[in-house]
Amino acid sequence: MTTSVQSSFDHLWNFEFHQPQPTQDSDLLQQLGFIPGLKELLMVRQVHALEHATVWILSEMSGYTASRPGELPNNQDNENIGGMSTERGFYLYGQVNPLHLQRAVRQGLQRFTDGEWKLAVHPRCGTNLSVTMLLTTGLALGAHFLLPRGPIEQLLGFMVATTAATQLAPDLGLSAQKYLTTAIPFNIELVRIFKTHDFWGRSAYFVELGWRDLQ
């Protein structure tokens, strides 16, 4: 595990500033439910967090243990397992025992309830790649317009932009996951798990989830 990723887990998941509340998304939906697509957005953020937790827990079951829940494992997480979230649930890819998958989903929901919010973030999430690409593009364009048009200056600017993006992207990617693309799944429950194919025809398990309002 790289030092930058470890430090990200250490400071990004300090919830003393903002502690997730079980009814926060239910309250938001009750107040702003007239906004088209809001429920689907809230749903997919919670599903995304549970997808990450499920991958973490399946990795633990495979022997990729972590020193503390939600941290990167001592070796690596099980890169043979991956997922993709939708507003109805998530696809789980890889050779997985369906009973283990069901247990991992239920454990994930319970461990979130118990306060293990670090499970919502994962270093292999596509959010990190998106942030890296956007940051690299933005810095490269900025260097292009700000620096002289000479080939040497432009090349140096591009190299500096790429290096800066590489250094900043891990922390920003984890921040984007925490604040934008995931939410603690207090409002979702397991409906069923079945084997299927995704949009591209790839074999996967689909973990179907439903929304439940909290009073």
Protein backbone atom coordinates (compact mmCIF):
# COMPACT_ATOMS: atom_id res chain seq x y z
CA MET A 1 0.00 0.00 0.00
CA THR A 2 1.35 3.40 -0.93
CA THR A 3 1.87 6.02 1.74
CA SER A 4 -0.43 8.49 0.00
CA VAL A 5 -3.35 6.05 -0.11
CA GLN A 6 -2.83 5.05 3.53
CA SER A 7 -2.74 8.69 4.62
CA SER A 8 -5.92 9.28 2.66
CA PHE A 9 -7.74 6.64 4.67
CA ASP A 10 -6.34 8.10 7.88
CA HIS A 11 -7.67 11.64 7.39
CA LEU A 12 -10.56 11.35 4.96
CA TRP A 13 -12.52 8.99 7.16
CA ASN A 14 -12.51 11.13 10.27
CA PHE A 15 -16.25 11.69 10.68
CA GLU A 16 -16.00 14.03 13.65
CA PHE A 17 -16.76 16.91 11.26
CA HIS A 18 -19.72 15.24 9.55
CA GLN A 19 -21.15 12.02 10.93
CA PRO A 20 -23.57 10.20 8.61
CA GLN A 21 -27.12 10.14 9.94
CA PRO A 22 -29.35 7.12 9.23
CA THR A 23 -32.30 9.24 8.07
CA GLN A 24 -30.41 11.88 6.10
CA ASP A 25 -31.31 10.55 2.64
CA SER A 26 -34.88 9.72 3.68
CA ASP A 27 -35.33 13.25 4.97
CA LEU A 28 -33.83 14.71 1.81
CA LEU A 29 -36.13 12.62 -0.36
CA GLN A 30 -39.15 13.65 1.68
CA GLN A 31 -38.31 17.32 1.28
CA LEU A 32 -37.12 17.30 -2.34
CA GLY A 33 -38.79 14.20 -3.76
CA PHE A 34 -40.34 16.30 -6.54
CA ILE A 35 -36.91 16.60 -8.22
CA PRO A 36 -36.76 14.09 -11.10
CA GLY A 37 -34.18 11.35 -10.60
CA LEU A 38 -33.32 12.30 -7.01
CA LYS A 39 -34.32 8.93 -5.55
CA GLU A 40 -32.32 7.08 -8.21
CA LEU A 41 -29.28 9.27 -7.48
CA LEU A 42 -29.52 8.67 -3.73
CA MET A 43 -30.02 4.97 -4.35
CA VAL A 44 -27.02 4.53 -6.63
CA ARG A 45 -24.72 6.32 -4.14
CA GLN A 46 -25.75 3.93 -1.37
CA VAL A 47 -25.52 0.92 -3.69
CA HIS A 48 -22.03 2.05 -4.70
CA ALA A 49 -20.91 2.06 -1.07
CA LEU A 50 -22.32 -1.43 -0.47
CA GLU A 51 -20.62 -2.68 -3.63
CA HIS A 52 -17.29 -1.53 -2.22
CA ALA A 53 -17.98 -3.09 1.16
CA THR A 54 -18.93 -6.38 -0.47
CA VAL A 55 -15.66 -6.47 -2.42
CA TRP A 56 -13.71 -5.72 0.79
CA ILE A 57 -15.45 -8.48 2.71
CA LEU A 58 -15.12 -11.04 -0.06
CA SER A 59 -11.41 -10.20 -0.16
CA GLU A 60 -11.25 -10.84 3.59
CA MET A 61 -12.99 -14.18 3.08
CA SER A 62 -10.36 -15.04 0.45
CA GLY A 63 -7.57 -14.44 2.95
CA TYR A 64 -6.67 -10.86 1.98
CA THR A 65 -6.90 -9.63 5.57
CA ALA A 66 -6.53 -6.02 6.62
CA SER A 67 -5.04 -4.73 9.85
CA ARG A 68 -8.20 -2.69 10.45
CA PRO A 69 -11.61 -2.91 8.76
CA GLY A 70 -11.84 -0.83 5.62
CA GLU A 71 -8.10 -0.38 5.16
CA LEU A 72 -6.16 -1.73 2.26
CA PRO A 73 -5.13 -5.32 3.04
CA ASN A 74 -1.60 -6.15 4.09
CA ASN A 75 -0.90 -7.67 0.67
CA GLN A 76 -3.52 -6.39 -1.78
CA ASP A 77 -7.25 -6.66 -2.13
CA ASN A 78 -8.54 -9.47 -4.31
CA GLU A 79 -8.23 -7.90 -7.74
CA ASN A 80 -10.12 -10.81 -9.30
CA ILE A 81 -13.33 -9.40 -7.79
CA GLY A 82 -14.96 -6.23 -9.08
CA GLY A 83 -18.34 -4.58 -9.32
CA MET A 84 -20.51 -2.03 -11.10
CA SER A 85 -23.37 -0.17 -9.45
CA THR A 86 -26.80 0.79 -10.80
CA GLU A 87 -29.88 2.33 -9.18
CA ARG A 88 -31.35 -1.18 -8.76
CA GLY A 89 -28.33 -2.95 -7.31
CA PHE A 90 -24.86 -3.92 -8.43
CA TYR A 91 -23.12 -6.43 -10.66
CA LEU A 92 -20.39 -8.52 -9.02
CA TYR A 93 -17.70 -9.98 -11.27
CA GLY A 94 -15.31 -12.81 -10.53
CA GLN A 95 -15.33 -16.39 -9.31
CA VAL A 96 -17.44 -16.06 -6.17
CA ASN A 97 -19.35 -18.58 -4.09
CA PRO A 98 -22.96 -17.29 -4.11
CA LEU A 99 -23.38 -18.16 -0.43
CA HIS A 100 -20.25 -16.14 0.37
CA LEU A 101 -21.59 -13.28 -1.72
CA GLN A 102 -24.89 -13.25 0.14
CA ARG A 103 -23.06 -13.35 3.47
CA ALA A 104 -20.74 -10.52 2.39
CA VAL A 105 -23.67 -8.29 1.38
CA ARG A 106 -25.45 -8.85 4.68
CA GLN A 107 -22.25 -8.33 6.64
CA GLY A 108 -21.60 -5.12 4.73
CA LEU A 109 -25.00 -3.71 5.64
CA GLN A 110 -24.51 -4.69 9.28
CA ARG A 111 -20.97 -3.33 9.51
CA PHE A 112 -22.10 0.01 8.08
CA THR A 113 -24.80 0.10 10.76
CA ASP A 114 -22.06 -0.61 13.33
CA GLY A 115 -20.08 2.39 12.09
CA GLU A 116 -17.47 0.86 9.75
CA TRP A 117 -17.87 3.65 7.20
CA LYS A 118 -14.39 3.15 5.72
CA LEU A 119 -15.81 0.19 3.83
CA ALA A 120 -17.57 2.63 1.47
CA VAL A 121 -14.32 3.68 -0.24
CA HIS A 122 -12.19 1.46 -2.47
CA PRO A 123 -8.90 2.31 -4.23
CA ARG A 124 -9.89 0.44 -7.42
CA CYS A 125 -13.09 2.43 -7.87
CA GLY A 126 -13.66 3.95 -11.31
CA THR A 127 -14.12 7.31 -9.59
CA ASN A 128 -10.37 7.43 -9.00
CA LEU A 129 -9.63 6.87 -12.69
CA SER A 130 -12.14 9.54 -13.71
CA VAL A 131 -10.62 12.05 -11.30
CA THR A 132 -7.12 11.27 -12.59
CA MET A 133 -8.17 11.79 -16.20
CA LEU A 134 -10.02 15.04 -15.48
CA LEU A 135 -7.20 16.41 -13.35
CA THR A 136 -4.53 15.49 -15.90
CA THR A 137 -6.54 17.05 -18.73
CA GLY A 138 -7.24 20.21 -16.77
CA LEU A 139 -3.64 20.74 -15.68
CA ALA A 140 -2.29 19.92 -19.13
CA LEU A 141 -4.64 22.43 -20.78
CA GLY A 142 -3.75 25.04 -18.18
CA ALA A 143 -0.05 24.54 -18.84
CA HIS A 144 -0.66 24.70 -22.59
CA PHE A 145 -2.38 28.09 -22.44
CA LEU A 146 -0.19 29.66 -19.74
CA LEU A 147 3.26 28.67 -20.97
CA PRO A 148 5.08 29.92 -24.06
CA ARG A 149 4.25 28.06 -27.28
CA GLY A 150 7.78 26.69 -27.75
CA PRO A 151 7.99 22.86 -27.95
CA ILE A 152 10.39 22.58 -25.01
CA GLU A 153 8.24 24.77 -22.74
CA GLN A 154 5.11 22.88 -23.77
CA LEU A 155 6.74 19.50 -23.15
CA LEU A 156 8.00 20.58 -19.73
CA GLY A 157 4.57 21.95 -18.88
CA PHE A 158 2.91 18.69 -19.86
CA MET A 159 5.39 16.69 -17.76
CA VAL A 160 4.81 18.92 -14.73
CA ALA A 161 1.03 18.69 -15.18
CA THR A 162 1.15 14.89 -15.43
CA THR A 163 3.36 14.58 -12.35
CA ALA A 164 1.15 16.92 -10.33
CA ALA A 165 -1.97 15.02 -11.36
CA THR A 166 -0.38 11.72 -10.35
CA GLN A 167 0.43 13.11 -6.90
CA LEU A 168 -2.95 14.77 -6.31
CA ALA A 169 -5.30 12.23 -7.87
CA PRO A 170 -5.29 9.53 -5.13
CA ASP A 171 -6.42 11.93 -2.40
CA LEU A 172 -8.90 13.71 -4.64
CA GLY A 173 -10.29 10.41 -5.90
CA LEU A 174 -10.94 9.17 -2.39
CA SER A 175 -12.52 12.52 -1.51
CA ALA A 176 -14.79 12.28 -4.55
CA GLN A 177 -15.88 8.82 -3.47
CA LYS A 178 -16.57 9.93 0.08
CA TYR A 179 -18.50 13.10 -0.72
CA LEU A 180 -19.95 12.54 -4.20
CA THR A 181 -20.22 9.00 -5.50
CA THR A 182 -21.00 6.99 -2.35
CA ALA A 183 -23.23 7.36 0.69
CA ILE A 184 -23.55 5.16 3.76
CA PRO A 185 -26.29 2.62 2.84
CA PHE A 186 -28.78 3.11 5.64
CA ASN A 187 -31.78 2.95 3.29
CA ILE A 188 -31.18 -0.17 1.21
CA GLU A 189 -31.91 -3.82 1.82
CA LEU A 190 -31.13 -7.04 0.01
CA VAL A 191 -33.89 -8.34 -2.26
CA ARG A 192 -32.20 -11.24 -4.06
CA ILE A 193 -29.00 -12.36 -5.76
CA PHE A 194 -28.98 -14.13 -9.11
CA LYS A 195 -26.58 -14.98 -11.91
CA THR A 196 -26.99 -12.99 -15.11
CA HIS A 197 -25.13 -11.01 -17.78
CA ASP A 198 -24.45 -7.29 -17.74
CA PHE A 199 -25.07 -4.76 -20.53
CA TRP A 200 -21.99 -5.98 -22.43
CA GLY A 201 -22.81 -9.66 -22.09
CA ARG A 202 -20.29 -10.39 -19.34
CA SER A 203 -21.24 -13.06 -16.81
CA ALA A 204 -21.89 -11.69 -13.34
CA TYR A 205 -23.99 -11.96 -10.22
CA PHE A 206 -26.54 -9.23 -9.77
CA VAL A 207 -27.24 -8.12 -6.21
CA GLU A 208 -30.74 -6.65 -6.36
CA LEU A 209 -31.43 -4.07 -3.67
CA GLY A 210 -34.52 -2.17 -2.57
CA TRP A 211 -35.10 1.20 -0.93
CA ARG A 212 -36.58 1.40 2.54
CA ASP A 213 -37.64 4.61 4.20
CA LEU A 214 -36.49 5.21 7.77
CA GLN A 215 -38.83 7.02 10.15
